[in-house]
Protein backbone atom coordinates (compact mmCIF):
# COMPACT_ATOMS: atom_id res chain seq x y z
CA MET A 1 0.00 0.00 0.00
CA GLY A 2 2.82 2.43 0.79
CA THR A 3 0.64 4.70 2.97
CA ASP A 4 2.11 5.52 6.36
CA LEU A 5 -0.80 5.42 8.79
CA PHE A 6 1.25 7.45 11.24
CA ASP A 7 2.31 10.23 8.86
CA LEU A 8 1.31 13.49 10.53
CA THR A 9 3.39 15.76 8.32
CA ASP A 10 2.34 19.39 8.73
CA ARG A 11 -0.50 18.53 11.11
CA VAL A 12 -0.92 20.45 14.36
CA ALA A 13 -1.31 18.57 17.63
CA VAL A 14 -2.12 20.11 21.01
CA VAL A 15 -1.25 18.11 24.12
CA THR A 16 -2.36 19.29 27.55
CA GLY A 17 -0.24 18.05 30.41
CA GLY A 18 2.35 17.77 27.67
CA SER A 19 5.57 18.58 29.49
CA ARG A 20 6.12 15.33 31.40
CA GLY A 21 5.12 11.69 31.68
CA LEU A 22 2.69 10.33 29.12
CA GLY A 23 2.06 13.80 27.68
CA ARG A 24 5.76 14.35 27.02
CA GLU A 25 5.97 11.04 25.16
CA MET A 26 2.91 11.92 23.09
CA VAL A 27 4.44 15.29 22.16
CA ARG A 28 7.65 13.59 21.04
CA ALA A 29 5.75 10.94 19.06
CA PHE A 30 3.64 13.55 17.26
CA ALA A 31 6.79 15.49 16.35
CA GLU A 32 8.67 12.34 15.26
CA HIS A 33 5.79 11.59 12.89
CA GLY A 34 5.83 15.06 11.35
CA ALA A 35 3.40 17.13 13.42
CA ASP A 36 3.96 20.59 14.80
CA VAL A 37 2.99 20.60 18.47
CA VAL A 38 1.57 22.83 21.16
CA ILE A 39 2.90 21.83 24.56
CA ALA A 40 0.48 23.02 27.24
CA SER A 41 1.28 22.52 30.91
CA ARG A 42 1.43 24.46 34.17
CA LYS A 43 5.22 24.64 34.17
CA LEU A 44 6.29 26.87 31.30
CA ASP A 45 10.01 26.12 31.75
CA ALA A 46 9.35 22.41 31.22
CA CYS A 47 7.25 23.21 28.14
CA GLU A 48 10.04 25.37 26.75
CA ALA A 49 12.67 22.67 27.31
CA LEU A 50 10.56 20.11 25.47
CA ALA A 51 9.86 22.64 22.70
CA ARG A 52 13.61 22.89 22.09
CA GLU A 53 13.75 19.09 21.72
CA VAL A 54 10.84 19.18 19.25
CA GLU A 55 12.53 21.91 17.24
CA GLY A 56 15.65 19.72 17.18
CA LEU A 57 13.50 17.16 15.37
CA GLY A 58 12.73 19.76 12.70
CA ARG A 59 9.19 20.57 13.84
CA ARG A 60 7.62 23.75 15.19
CA ALA A 61 6.64 23.86 18.84
CA LEU A 62 4.62 26.33 20.87
CA PRO A 63 5.11 26.06 24.64
CA ILE A 64 2.24 27.53 26.66
CA ALA A 65 1.64 27.79 30.40
CA TYR A 66 -1.81 26.26 30.88
CA HIS A 67 -3.82 25.23 33.92
CA ALA A 68 -6.59 22.87 32.84
CA GLY A 69 -8.68 23.83 35.86
CA VAL A 70 -8.96 27.48 34.83
CA TRP A 71 -11.70 28.24 32.28
CA ALA A 72 -9.93 31.35 30.97
CA ASP A 73 -6.74 29.34 30.36
CA SER A 74 -8.69 27.13 27.93
CA ASP A 75 -9.87 30.25 26.11
CA ARG A 76 -6.30 31.60 26.03
CA LEU A 77 -4.82 28.30 24.82
CA TYR A 78 -7.44 28.03 22.08
CA ALA A 79 -6.67 31.57 20.88
CA ALA A 80 -2.91 30.95 20.93
CA VAL A 81 -3.21 27.74 18.89
CA TYR A 82 -5.25 29.40 16.14
CA ASP A 83 -3.20 32.62 16.21
CA GLU A 84 0.06 30.67 15.79
CA PHE A 85 -0.98 27.79 13.51
CA GLY A 86 -4.42 28.69 12.15
CA ARG A 87 -5.64 25.15 12.80
CA CYS A 88 -5.71 22.19 15.13
CA ASP A 89 -5.79 18.65 13.78
CA VAL A 90 -5.43 16.73 17.04
CA LEU A 91 -6.30 17.76 20.58
CA VAL A 92 -5.16 15.47 23.38
CA ASN A 93 -6.78 16.20 26.75
CA ASN A 94 -4.13 14.59 28.91
CA ALA A 95 -3.77 17.00 31.86
CA GLY A 96 -5.09 15.44 35.03
CA MET A 97 -4.62 14.98 38.72
CA SER A 98 -5.55 12.43 41.36
CA PRO A 99 -4.38 13.59 44.78
CA LEU A 100 -4.42 11.06 47.57
CA TYR A 101 -6.57 11.55 50.65
CA PRO A 102 -6.70 9.51 53.84
CA SER A 103 -10.47 8.88 53.82
CA ILE A 104 -13.53 9.96 51.87
CA ASP A 105 -14.75 12.18 54.71
CA ALA A 106 -11.41 14.02 54.60
CA VAL A 107 -12.15 15.35 51.09
CA ASP A 108 -12.94 19.03 51.42
CA GLU A 109 -14.64 21.28 48.91
CA PRO A 110 -11.45 22.91 47.57
CA LEU A 111 -9.91 19.48 46.83
CA TYR A 112 -13.13 18.25 45.23
CA ASP A 113 -13.40 21.37 43.05
CA LYS A 114 -9.75 21.25 42.02
CA VAL A 115 -9.97 17.60 40.90
CA MET A 116 -13.20 18.20 38.98
CA ASP A 117 -11.89 21.40 37.40
CA VAL A 118 -8.62 19.91 36.13
CA ASN A 119 -10.03 16.56 35.03
CA LEU A 120 -13.43 17.57 33.65
CA LYS A 121 -14.07 21.31 33.39
CA GLY A 122 -10.88 22.09 31.47
CA PRO A 123 -11.29 19.27 28.93
CA PHE A 124 -14.92 20.28 28.43
CA ARG A 125 -14.14 23.91 27.71
CA LEU A 126 -11.11 23.31 25.50
CA SER A 127 -12.86 20.55 23.53
CA ALA A 128 -15.99 22.66 23.05
CA LEU A 129 -13.91 25.47 21.55
CA VAL A 130 -11.53 23.38 19.44
CA GLY A 131 -14.15 20.79 18.48
CA THR A 132 -16.59 23.40 17.24
CA ARG A 133 -13.84 24.91 15.09
CA MET A 134 -12.73 21.47 13.84
CA ALA A 135 -16.28 20.61 12.82
CA GLY A 136 -16.85 23.92 11.04
CA PRO A 137 -15.51 25.39 7.83
CA ASP A 138 -12.91 27.61 9.54
CA ASN A 139 -10.18 25.22 10.70
CA GLY A 140 -7.33 26.58 8.61
CA GLY A 141 -7.99 24.32 5.64
CA SER A 142 -7.97 21.20 7.79
CA ASN A 143 -10.81 18.78 7.20
CA GLY A 144 -12.07 17.97 10.69
CA GLY A 145 -9.78 16.64 13.35
CA SER A 146 -9.52 14.34 16.34
CA ILE A 147 -10.05 14.93 20.02
CA ILE A 148 -8.50 12.38 22.36
CA PHE A 149 -9.40 12.14 26.04
CA VAL A 150 -7.06 10.35 28.42
CA SER A 151 -9.21 8.58 30.98
CA SER A 152 -8.69 5.90 33.59
CA ILE A 153 -10.11 2.61 34.80
CA ALA A 154 -11.14 4.71 37.81
CA GLY A 155 -13.88 6.15 35.58
CA SER A 156 -15.77 2.88 35.87
CA ARG A 157 -14.11 1.13 38.82
CA PRO A 158 -12.54 3.63 41.22
CA GLY A 159 -10.44 2.52 44.15
CA PRO A 160 -11.26 3.71 47.67
CA ASN A 161 -8.85 6.66 47.48
CA GLU A 162 -9.80 7.93 44.03
CA LEU A 163 -13.55 8.48 44.19
CA VAL A 164 -13.50 12.15 43.16
CA TYR A 165 -10.99 11.44 40.39
CA GLY A 166 -13.08 8.46 39.27
CA ALA A 167 -16.23 10.58 39.12
CA ALA A 168 -14.39 13.17 37.01
CA LYS A 169 -13.09 10.48 34.64
CA ALA A 170 -16.58 9.00 34.34
CA GLY A 171 -17.64 12.48 33.26
CA VAL A 172 -14.81 12.55 30.71
CA GLU A 173 -16.04 9.26 29.25
CA ASN A 174 -19.56 10.69 29.01
CA LEU A 175 -18.14 13.86 27.47
CA THR A 176 -16.29 11.80 24.86
CA TYR A 177 -19.49 10.11 23.75
CA GLY A 178 -21.54 13.31 23.90
CA LEU A 179 -19.08 15.39 21.88
CA ALA A 180 -18.85 12.67 19.24
CA ARG A 181 -22.61 12.87 18.83
CA THR A 182 -22.66 16.65 18.98
CA LEU A 183 -19.79 17.39 16.61
CA GLY A 184 -19.37 14.19 14.57
């Protein structure tokens, strides 16, 4: 056949939580397969260091400080992606957090809100913005795109110390299905 299923030449990929761990590896893989990447994470210095690696692979990189739990940061990231690249072909909602707590009654409202905001609110807002643009005629000449949500087994079978995280990931799984029906 001769077609490289992993050829992402000149595509634009956005990875939240992209400066370390799984996100870092995704950023590198996108770049190694020809994509330009947006590296979005709370620690700008880590994003910038990875951007230099990506540029060493011959691809463009845009490092952006981004907190997935802050609604306005999703708006700002969205604007930066389209200002810099004019399009987004792949959005990976990878940013997440699952802080440990000693018992369920020890979970306070600030912890609950923080976990829900980072794991569910941020991916909702960013996907609503990018997904609407991907599905419309104004995505920089790109025909559609893909939104990937990183979830967890905790979304369906949470352990005793990850109930809030599990509830957020269950929401992400519902969001995945709902956005596919809404935008697909």
